[in-house]
């Protein structure tokens, strides 16, 4: 059986690759940024002694 020509895949298989559009990798990055934002809000409340909305003057 002759060897088929091997071509590179159009999409890299790296799960941490940053690509635009609706991909599973975009969900990974979205989750990571959400975790960073949530942790930032918690640290802001711990160190300032005020809630997030009070700190920014919204309430």
PDB file of N, CA and C in Angstrom:
ATOM      1  N   UNK A   1       0.836  -1.177   0.000  1.00  0.00           N
ATOM      2  CA  UNK A   1       0.000   0.000   0.000  1.00  0.00           C
ATOM      3  C   UNK A   1       0.881   1.241   0.000  1.00  0.00           C
ATOM      4  N   UNK A   2       0.685   2.149  -0.924  1.00  0.00           N
ATOM      5  CA  UNK A   2       1.535   3.344  -0.968  1.00  0.00           C
ATOM      6  C   UNK A   2       1.235   4.262   0.211  1.00  0.00           C
ATOM      7  N   UNK A   3       2.283   4.949   0.649  1.00  0.00           N
ATOM      8  CA  UNK A   3       2.114   5.903   1.756  1.00  0.00           C
ATOM      9  C   UNK A   3       1.333   7.118   1.284  1.00  0.00           C
ATOM     10  N   UNK A   4       0.333   7.457   2.071  1.00  0.00           N
ATOM     11  CA  UNK A   4      -0.454   8.657   1.751  1.00  0.00           C
ATOM     12  C   UNK A   4       0.361   9.883   2.124  1.00  0.00           C
ATOM     13  N   UNK A   5       0.162  10.942   1.407  1.00  0.00           N
ATOM     14  CA  UNK A   5       0.860  12.176   1.721  1.00  0.00           C
ATOM     15  C   UNK A   5       0.384  12.687   3.071  1.00  0.00           C
ATOM     16  N   UNK A   6       1.317  12.926   3.953  1.00  0.00           N
ATOM     17  CA  UNK A   6       0.951  13.441   5.266  1.00  0.00           C
ATOM     18  C   UNK A   6       0.956  14.956   5.213  1.00  0.00           C
ATOM     19  N   UNK A   7      -0.136  15.538   5.620  1.00  0.00           N
ATOM     20  CA  UNK A   7      -0.233  16.994   5.663  1.00  0.00           C
ATOM     21  C   UNK A   7      -0.410  17.440   7.099  1.00  0.00           C
ATOM     22  N   UNK A   8       0.033  18.629   7.372  1.00  0.00           N
ATOM     23  CA  UNK A   8      -0.113  19.194   8.712  1.00  0.00           C
ATOM     24  C   UNK A   8      -1.579  19.551   8.939  1.00  0.00           C
ATOM     25  N   UNK A   9      -2.076  19.314  10.141  1.00  0.00           N
ATOM     26  CA  UNK A   9      -3.468  19.688  10.420  1.00  0.00           C
ATOM     27  C   UNK A   9      -3.628  21.203  10.357  1.00  0.00           C
ATOM     28  N   UNK A  10      -4.809  21.654   9.962  1.00  0.00           N
ATOM     29  CA  UNK A  10      -5.077  23.082   9.878  1.00  0.00           C
ATOM     30  C   UNK A  10      -5.151  23.725  11.254  1.00  0.00           C
ATOM     31  N   UNK A  11      -5.561  22.952  12.241  1.00  0.00           N
ATOM     32  CA  UNK A  11      -5.704  23.454  13.602  1.00  0.00           C
ATOM     33  C   UNK A  11      -4.692  22.742  14.477  1.00  0.00           C
ATOM     34  N   UNK A  12      -3.938  23.505  15.243  1.00  0.00           N
ATOM     35  CA  UNK A  12      -2.954  22.876  16.115  1.00  0.00           C
ATOM     36  C   UNK A  12      -3.670  22.145  17.246  1.00  0.00           C
ATOM     37  N   UNK A  13      -3.059  21.123  17.734  1.00  0.00           N
ATOM     38  CA  UNK A  13      -3.663  20.316  18.798  1.00  0.00           C
ATOM     39  C   UNK A  13      -3.281  20.817  20.183  1.00  0.00           C
ATOM     40  N   UNK A  14      -2.603  21.940  20.268  1.00  0.00           N
ATOM     41  CA  UNK A  14      -2.198  22.500  21.554  1.00  0.00           C
ATOM     42  C   UNK A  14      -3.432  23.020  22.290  1.00  0.00           C
ATOM     43  N   UNK A  15      -3.778  22.445  23.456  1.00  0.00           N
ATOM     44  CA  UNK A  15      -4.986  22.889  24.165  1.00  0.00           C
ATOM     45  C   UNK A  15      -4.859  24.292  24.744  1.00  0.00           C
ATOM     46  N   UNK A  16      -3.639  24.824  24.833  1.00  0.00           N
ATOM     47  CA  UNK A  16      -3.447  26.165  25.372  1.00  0.00           C
ATOM     48  C   UNK A  16      -3.244  27.209  24.292  1.00  0.00           C
ATOM     49  N   UNK A  17      -3.393  26.838  23.043  1.00  0.00           N
ATOM     50  CA  UNK A  17      -3.190  27.786  21.947  1.00  0.00           C
ATOM     51  C   UNK A  17      -4.282  28.850  21.984  1.00  0.00           C
ATOM     52  N   UNK A  18      -3.881  30.077  21.705  1.00  0.00           N
ATOM     53  CA  UNK A  18      -4.838  31.181  21.688  1.00  0.00           C
ATOM     54  C   UNK A  18      -5.303  31.378  20.255  1.00  0.00           C
ATOM     55  N   UNK A  19      -6.557  31.008  19.988  1.00  0.00           N
ATOM     56  CA  UNK A  19      -7.138  31.156  18.657  1.00  0.00           C
ATOM     57  C   UNK A  19      -8.453  31.898  18.782  1.00  0.00           C
ATOM     58  N   UNK A  20      -8.818  32.612  17.722  1.00  0.00           N
ATOM     59  CA  UNK A  20     -10.056  33.372  17.704  1.00  0.00           C
ATOM     60  C   UNK A  20     -11.216  32.475  17.292  1.00  0.00           C
ATOM     61  N   UNK A  21     -12.414  32.838  17.723  1.00  0.00           N
ATOM     62  CA  UNK A  21     -13.608  32.104  17.328  1.00  0.00           C
ATOM     63  C   UNK A  21     -14.121  31.218  18.449  1.00  0.00           C
ATOM     64  N   UNK A  22     -15.150  30.474  18.135  1.00  0.00           N
ATOM     65  CA  UNK A  22     -15.778  29.592  19.118  1.00  0.00           C
ATOM     66  C   UNK A  22     -15.097  28.235  19.070  1.00  0.00           C
ATOM     67  N   UNK A  23     -14.086  28.075  19.901  1.00  0.00           N
ATOM     68  CA  UNK A  23     -13.352  26.812  19.967  1.00  0.00           C
ATOM     69  C   UNK A  23     -13.303  26.359  21.415  1.00  0.00           C
ATOM     70  N   UNK A  24     -12.906  25.124  21.634  1.00  0.00           N
ATOM     71  CA  UNK A  24     -12.782  24.644  23.012  1.00  0.00           C
ATOM     72  C   UNK A  24     -11.659  25.380  23.728  1.00  0.00           C
ATOM     73  N   UNK A  25     -10.654  25.829  22.984  1.00  0.00           N
ATOM     74  CA  UNK A  25      -9.567  26.581  23.603  1.00  0.00           C
ATOM     75  C   UNK A  25     -10.062  27.942  24.095  1.00  0.00           C
ATOM     76  N   UNK A  26     -11.006  28.545  23.385  1.00  0.00           N
ATOM     77  CA  UNK A  26     -11.530  29.828  23.844  1.00  0.00           C
ATOM     78  C   UNK A  26     -12.284  29.659  25.159  1.00  0.00           C
ATOM     79  N   UNK A  27     -12.920  28.517  25.345  1.00  0.00           N
ATOM     80  CA  UNK A  27     -13.594  28.253  26.626  1.00  0.00           C
ATOM     81  C   UNK A  27     -12.570  28.087  27.745  1.00  0.00           C
ATOM     82  N   UNK A  28     -11.431  27.474  27.446  1.00  0.00           N
ATOM     83  CA  UNK A  28     -10.367  27.358  28.454  1.00  0.00           C
ATOM     84  C   UNK A  28      -9.882  28.739  28.875  1.00  0.00           C
ATOM     85  N   UNK A  29      -9.606  29.603  27.904  1.00  0.00           N
ATOM     86  CA  UNK A  29      -9.126  30.950  28.217  1.00  0.00           C
ATOM     87  C   UNK A  29     -10.197  31.757  28.932  1.00  0.00           C
ATOM     88  N   UNK A  30     -11.450  31.611  28.542  1.00  0.00           N
ATOM     89  CA  UNK A  30     -12.539  32.321  29.196  1.00  0.00           C
ATOM     90  C   UNK A  30     -12.618  31.917  30.670  1.00  0.00           C
ATOM     91  N   UNK A  31     -12.491  30.648  30.948  1.00  0.00           N
ATOM     92  CA  UNK A  31     -12.512  30.172  32.329  1.00  0.00           C
ATOM     93  C   UNK A  31     -11.339  30.692  33.130  1.00  0.00           C
ATOM     94  N   UNK A  32     -10.173  30.734  32.522  1.00  0.00           N
ATOM     95  CA  UNK A  32      -8.984  31.230  33.223  1.00  0.00           C
ATOM     96  C   UNK A  32      -9.134  32.704  33.569  1.00  0.00           C
ATOM     97  N   UNK A  33      -9.606  33.494  32.604  1.00  0.00           N
ATOM     98  CA  UNK A  33      -9.791  34.919  32.874  1.00  0.00           C
ATOM     99  C   UNK A  33     -10.891  35.145  33.911  1.00  0.00           C
ATOM    100  N   UNK A  34     -11.923  34.329  33.912  1.00  0.00           N
ATOM    101  CA  UNK A  34     -12.981  34.450  34.919  1.00  0.00           C
ATOM    102  C   UNK A  34     -12.431  34.141  36.307  1.00  0.00           C
ATOM    103  N   UNK A  35     -11.572  33.131  36.414  1.00  0.00           N
ATOM    104  CA  UNK A  35     -10.969  32.802  37.710  1.00  0.00           C
ATOM    105  C   UNK A  35     -10.081  33.935  38.208  1.00  0.00           C
ATOM    106  N   UNK A  36      -9.328  34.550  37.298  1.00  0.00           N
ATOM    107  CA  UNK A  36      -8.472  35.678  37.680  1.00  0.00           C
ATOM    108  C   UNK A  36      -9.335  36.848  38.165  1.00  0.00           C
ATOM    109  N   UNK A  37     -10.426  37.137  37.460  1.00  0.00           N
ATOM    110  CA  UNK A  37     -11.311  38.225  37.859  1.00  0.00           C
ATOM    111  C   UNK A  37     -11.981  37.972  39.193  1.00  0.00           C
ATOM    112  N   UNK A  38     -12.415  36.747  39.412  1.00  0.00           N
ATOM    113  CA  UNK A  38     -13.069  36.406  40.674  1.00  0.00           C
ATOM    114  C   UNK A  38     -12.087  36.517  41.838  1.00  0.00           C
ATOM    115  N   UNK A  39     -10.880  36.014  41.647  1.00  0.00           N
ATOM    116  CA  UNK A  39      -9.859  36.104  42.686  1.00  0.00           C
ATOM    117  C   UNK A  39      -9.491  37.561  42.954  1.00  0.00           C
ATOM    118  N   UNK A  40      -9.428  38.373  41.918  1.00  0.00           N
ATOM    119  CA  UNK A  40      -9.120  39.798  42.085  1.00  0.00           C
ATOM    120  C   UNK A  40     -10.194  40.497  42.906  1.00  0.00           C
ATOM    121  N   UNK A  41     -11.459  40.176  42.650  1.00  0.00           N
ATOM    122  CA  UNK A  41     -12.553  40.781  43.413  1.00  0.00           C
ATOM    123  C   UNK A  41     -12.485  40.371  44.883  1.00  0.00           C
ATOM    124  N   UNK A  42     -12.154  39.121  45.140  1.00  0.00           N
ATOM    125  CA  UNK A  42     -12.041  38.652  46.532  1.00  0.00           C
ATOM    126  C   UNK A  42     -10.886  39.351  47.238  1.00  0.00           C
ATOM    127  N   UNK A  43      -9.725  39.452  46.570  1.00  0.00           N
ATOM    128  CA  UNK A  43      -8.575  40.120  47.179  1.00  0.00           C
ATOM    129  C   UNK A  43      -8.843  41.601  47.401  1.00  0.00           C
ATOM    130  N   UNK A  44      -9.554  42.226  46.492  1.00  0.00           N
ATOM    131  CA  UNK A  44      -9.916  43.635  46.646  1.00  0.00           C
ATOM    132  C   UNK A  44     -10.765  43.832  47.894  1.00  0.00           C
ATOM    133  N   UNK A  45     -11.718  42.936  48.114  1.00  0.00           N
ATOM    134  CA  UNK A  45     -12.566  43.042  49.302  1.00  0.00           C
ATOM    135  C   UNK A  45     -11.787  42.762  50.578  1.00  0.00           C
ATOM    136  N   UNK A  46     -10.858  41.814  50.513  1.00  0.00           N
ATOM    137  CA  UNK A  46     -10.077  41.492  51.709  1.00  0.00           C
ATOM    138  C   UNK A  46      -9.171  42.653  52.119  1.00  0.00           C
ATOM    139  N   UNK A  47      -8.496  43.242  51.155  1.00  0.00           N
ATOM    140  CA  UNK A  47      -7.522  44.273  51.485  1.00  0.00           C
ATOM    141  C   UNK A  47      -8.127  45.655  51.684  1.00  0.00           C
ATOM    142  N   UNK A  48      -9.265  45.947  51.073  1.00  0.00           N
ATOM    143  CA  UNK A  48      -9.863  47.272  51.223  1.00  0.00           C
ATOM    144  C   UNK A  48     -10.888  47.325  52.348  1.00  0.00           C
ATOM    145  N   UNK A  49     -11.448  46.179  52.717  1.00  0.00           N
ATOM    146  CA  UNK A  49     -12.466  46.162  53.757  1.00  0.00           C
ATOM    147  C   UNK A  49     -13.836  46.601  53.258  1.00  0.00           C
ATOM    148  N   UNK A  50     -13.968  46.801  51.964  1.00  0.00           N
ATOM    149  CA  UNK A  50     -15.241  47.205  51.373  1.00  0.00           C
ATOM    150  C   UNK A  50     -15.637  46.178  50.321  1.00  0.00           C
ATOM    151  N   UNK A  51     -16.925  46.141  50.038  1.00  0.00           N
ATOM    152  CA  UNK A  51     -17.392  45.296  48.957  1.00  0.00           C
ATOM    153  C   UNK A  51     -16.950  45.852  47.613  1.00  0.00           C
ATOM    154  N   UNK A  52     -17.011  45.033  46.593  1.00  0.00           N
ATOM    155  CA  UNK A  52     -16.554  45.423  45.257  1.00  0.00           C
ATOM    156  C   UNK A  52     -17.299  46.648  44.747  1.00  0.00           C
ATOM    157  N   UNK A  53     -18.613  46.656  44.880  1.00  0.00           N
ATOM    158  CA  UNK A  53     -19.420  47.777  44.387  1.00  0.00           C
ATOM    159  C   UNK A  53     -19.203  49.041  45.206  1.00  0.00           C
ATOM    160  N   UNK A  54     -19.008  48.897  46.526  1.00  0.00           N
ATOM    161  CA  UNK A  54     -18.733  50.060  47.364  1.00  0.00           C
ATOM    162  C   UNK A  54     -17.357  50.634  47.053  1.00  0.00           C
ATOM    163  N   UNK A  55     -16.405  49.785  46.765  1.00  0.00           N
ATOM    164  CA  UNK A  55     -15.042  50.247  46.472  1.00  0.00           C
ATOM    165  C   UNK A  55     -15.035  51.141  45.239  1.00  0.00           C
ATOM    166  N   UNK A  56     -15.806  50.780  44.234  1.00  0.00           N
ATOM    167  CA  UNK A  56     -15.851  51.564  42.992  1.00  0.00           C
ATOM    168  C   UNK A  56     -16.881  52.691  43.045  1.00  0.00           C
ATOM    169  N   UNK A  57     -17.588  52.835  44.161  1.00  0.00           N
ATOM    170  CA  UNK A  57     -18.528  53.928  44.317  1.00  0.00           C
ATOM    171  C   UNK A  57     -19.834  53.725  43.595  1.00  0.00           C
ATOM    172  N   UNK A  58     -20.177  52.499  43.287  1.00  0.00           N
ATOM    173  CA  UNK A  58     -21.429  52.214  42.586  1.00  0.00           C
ATOM    174  C   UNK A  58     -22.597  52.196  43.570  1.00  0.00           C
ATOM    175  N   UNK A  59     -22.346  51.745  44.788  1.00  0.00           N
ATOM    176  CA  UNK A  59     -23.395  51.733  45.829  1.00  0.00           C
ATOM    177  C   UNK A  59     -23.055  52.737  46.909  1.00  0.00           C
TER     178      UNK A  59
END
